[in-house]
Amino acid sequence: MKSGAIFFEPTASVGAIAPTVYLPIRDGKFDTAGEGPVRGLYNVTVGGYDNDKSRVDNDGITHTEQLFPDYKFQLEIPPKENPMNIVVPEGKSGVAAKSR
């Protein structure tokens, strides 16, 4: 997918100080280098958007069409040195996003 967002919400098993992380997806990639999730189990939500079909309403608010309903799942976040590839299964959207 060209653009979207990925949201990492820590489960109780990660601990109270684990960050909740929202990252944009641009050109099929998201960057966890800055404030990415720490190692552990997270609830993950992926959304994909079609910027080519964006429209601005009379109030000046931009609306962007979703490519598919939010895809939700749990994921064990690996140590920082390991890349993550997240694929939204066929039938959900058929698109993928990779961390850089």
C-alpha atoms as a PDB file:
ATOM      1  CA  MET A   1       0.000   0.000   0.000  1.00  0.00           C
ATOM      2  CA  LYS A   2       1.216   3.475  -0.711  1.00  0.00           C
ATOM      3  CA  SER A   3      -0.056   5.078   2.465  1.00  0.00           C
ATOM      4  CA  GLY A   4      -1.692   4.173   5.704  1.00  0.00           C
ATOM      5  CA  ALA A   5      -0.951   3.804   9.372  1.00  0.00           C
ATOM      6  CA  ILE A   6       0.045   1.141  11.846  1.00  0.00           C
ATOM      7  CA  PHE A   7      -0.840   1.313  15.539  1.00  0.00           C
ATOM      8  CA  PHE A   8       0.971  -0.778  18.182  1.00  0.00           C
ATOM      9  CA  GLU A   9      -0.791  -1.089  21.556  1.00  0.00           C
ATOM     10  CA  PRO A  10       1.150  -3.032  24.225  1.00  0.00           C
ATOM     11  CA  THR A  11      -0.543  -5.910  26.022  1.00  0.00           C
ATOM     12  CA  ALA A  12      -0.263  -6.282  29.792  1.00  0.00           C
ATOM     13  CA  SER A  13       2.549  -8.811  29.250  1.00  0.00           C
ATOM     14  CA  VAL A  14       4.848  -6.044  27.920  1.00  0.00           C
ATOM     15  CA  GLY A  15       4.602  -3.972  31.102  1.00  0.00           C
ATOM     16  CA  ALA A  16       3.232  -0.639  32.220  1.00  0.00           C
ATOM     17  CA  ILE A  17       6.030   1.483  30.721  1.00  0.00           C
ATOM     18  CA  ALA A  18       5.812   0.135  27.157  1.00  0.00           C
ATOM     19  CA  PRO A  19       4.834   2.818  24.640  1.00  0.00           C
ATOM     20  CA  THR A  20       1.721   2.875  22.514  1.00  0.00           C
ATOM     21  CA  VAL A  21       3.007   3.690  19.031  1.00  0.00           C
ATOM     22  CA  TYR A  22       1.315   5.155  15.922  1.00  0.00           C
ATOM     23  CA  LEU A  23       3.435   5.144  12.742  1.00  0.00           C
ATOM     24  CA  PRO A  24       2.544   6.363   9.252  1.00  0.00           C
ATOM     25  CA  ILE A  25       3.012   4.019   6.297  1.00  0.00           C
ATOM     26  CA  ARG A  26       4.550   5.749   3.283  1.00  0.00           C
ATOM     27  CA  ASP A  27       5.361   3.961   0.024  1.00  0.00           C
ATOM     28  CA  GLY A  28       4.716   0.611   1.723  1.00  0.00           C
ATOM     29  CA  LYS A  29       7.147   1.227   4.601  1.00  0.00           C
ATOM     30  CA  PHE A  30       6.981   2.299   8.233  1.00  0.00           C
ATOM     31  CA  ASP A  31       9.904   3.399  10.372  1.00  0.00           C
ATOM     32  CA  THR A  32      10.339   2.016  13.892  1.00  0.00           C
ATOM     33  CA  ALA A  33      13.834   3.516  14.359  1.00  0.00           C
ATOM     34  CA  GLY A  34      12.699   6.535  16.381  1.00  0.00           C
ATOM     35  CA  GLU A  35       9.954   5.758  18.851  1.00  0.00           C
ATOM     36  CA  GLY A  36       9.026   2.277  17.734  1.00  0.00           C
ATOM     37  CA  PRO A  37       7.505  -0.393  19.937  1.00  0.00           C
ATOM     38  CA  VAL A  38       9.746  -2.259  22.394  1.00  0.00           C
ATOM     39  CA  ARG A  39      10.121  -6.030  22.404  1.00  0.00           C
ATOM     40  CA  GLY A  40       6.982  -7.885  23.522  1.00  0.00           C
ATOM     41  CA  LEU A  41       3.400  -8.769  22.588  1.00  0.00           C
ATOM     42  CA  TYR A  42       1.280  -6.000  21.026  1.00  0.00           C
ATOM     43  CA  ASN A  43      -2.212  -5.565  19.648  1.00  0.00           C
ATOM     44  CA  VAL A  44      -1.662  -4.191  16.130  1.00  0.00           C
ATOM     45  CA  THR A  45      -4.061  -2.303  13.858  1.00  0.00           C
ATOM     46  CA  VAL A  46      -3.191  -1.601  10.201  1.00  0.00           C
ATOM     47  CA  GLY A  47      -5.145   0.792   7.996  1.00  0.00           C
ATOM     48  CA  GLY A  48      -4.524   1.539   4.329  1.00  0.00           C
ATOM     49  CA  TYR A  49      -5.660   4.683   2.536  1.00  0.00           C
ATOM     50  CA  ASP A  50      -6.109   5.767  -1.053  1.00  0.00           C
ATOM     51  CA  ASN A  51      -4.767   9.318  -1.205  1.00  0.00           C
ATOM     52  CA  ASP A  52      -5.770   9.539  -4.878  1.00  0.00           C
ATOM     53  CA  LYS A  53      -9.414   9.504  -3.765  1.00  0.00           C
ATOM     54  CA  SER A  54      -9.062  12.185  -1.067  1.00  0.00           C
ATOM     55  CA  ARG A  55     -11.681  14.904  -1.052  1.00  0.00           C
ATOM     56  CA  VAL A  56     -12.131  18.106   0.896  1.00  0.00           C
ATOM     57  CA  ASP A  57     -15.618  18.845   2.210  1.00  0.00           C
ATOM     58  CA  ASN A  58     -17.281  22.249   2.547  1.00  0.00           C
ATOM     59  CA  ASP A  59     -15.752  22.706   6.022  1.00  0.00           C
ATOM     60  CA  GLY A  60     -12.215  22.226   4.689  1.00  0.00           C
ATOM     61  CA  ILE A  61     -11.817  18.746   6.233  1.00  0.00           C
ATOM     62  CA  THR A  62      -9.942  16.209   4.095  1.00  0.00           C
ATOM     63  CA  HIS A  63     -11.493  12.731   3.851  1.00  0.00           C
ATOM     64  CA  THR A  64      -9.386   9.848   2.561  1.00  0.00           C
ATOM     65  CA  GLU A  65     -10.968   6.578   1.469  1.00  0.00           C
ATOM     66  CA  GLN A  66      -9.825   3.434   3.277  1.00  0.00           C
ATOM     67  CA  LEU A  67      -8.544   0.617   1.052  1.00  0.00           C
ATOM     68  CA  PHE A  68      -9.848  -2.028   3.464  1.00  0.00           C
ATOM     69  CA  PRO A  69     -11.366  -2.237   6.962  1.00  0.00           C
ATOM     70  CA  ASP A  70      -8.779  -1.920   9.741  1.00  0.00           C
ATOM     71  CA  TYR A  71      -6.843  -5.188  10.070  1.00  0.00           C
ATOM     72  CA  LYS A  72      -6.290  -6.167  13.717  1.00  0.00           C
ATOM     73  CA  PHE A  73      -4.057  -8.897  15.142  1.00  0.00           C
ATOM     74  CA  GLN A  74      -1.474  -9.619  17.852  1.00  0.00           C
ATOM     75  CA  LEU A  75       2.253  -9.596  17.143  1.00  0.00           C
ATOM     76  CA  GLU A  76       5.358 -10.445  19.143  1.00  0.00           C
ATOM     77  CA  ILE A  77       7.745  -7.551  18.464  1.00  0.00           C
ATOM     78  CA  PRO A  78      11.281  -8.861  17.841  1.00  0.00           C
ATOM     79  CA  PRO A  79      14.492  -7.252  19.161  1.00  0.00           C
ATOM     80  CA  LYS A  80      15.243  -3.887  17.473  1.00  0.00           C
ATOM     81  CA  GLU A  81      17.942  -5.303  15.173  1.00  0.00           C
ATOM     82  CA  ASN A  82      15.427  -7.641  13.476  1.00  0.00           C
ATOM     83  CA  PRO A  83      13.233  -6.188  10.686  1.00  0.00           C
ATOM     84  CA  MET A  84       9.458  -6.610  10.747  1.00  0.00           C
ATOM     85  CA  ASN A  85       7.378  -7.415   7.695  1.00  0.00           C
ATOM     86  CA  ILE A  86       3.647  -7.136   8.160  1.00  0.00           C
ATOM     87  CA  VAL A  87       1.381  -8.536   5.489  1.00  0.00           C
ATOM     88  CA  VAL A  88      -2.344  -7.905   5.524  1.00  0.00           C
ATOM     89  CA  PRO A  89      -3.768 -11.246   4.303  1.00  0.00           C
ATOM     90  CA  GLU A  90      -5.415 -11.617   0.903  1.00  0.00           C
ATOM     91  CA  GLY A  91      -9.105 -10.989   1.323  1.00  0.00           C
ATOM     92  CA  LYS A  92      -8.345  -8.294   3.905  1.00  0.00           C
ATOM     93  CA  SER A  93      -6.441  -6.138   1.400  1.00  0.00           C
ATOM     94  CA  GLY A  94      -3.627  -8.055  -0.284  1.00  0.00           C
ATOM     95  CA  VAL A  95      -1.008  -5.426   0.595  1.00  0.00           C
ATOM     96  CA  ALA A  96       2.129  -5.394   2.722  1.00  0.00           C
ATOM     97  CA  ALA A  97       4.205  -2.943   4.717  1.00  0.00           C
ATOM     98  CA  LYS A  98       7.812  -3.294   5.825  1.00  0.00           C
ATOM     99  CA  SER A  99       9.775  -1.583   8.552  1.00  0.00           C
ATOM    100  CA  ARG A 100      12.954   0.204   7.583  1.00  0.00           C
END
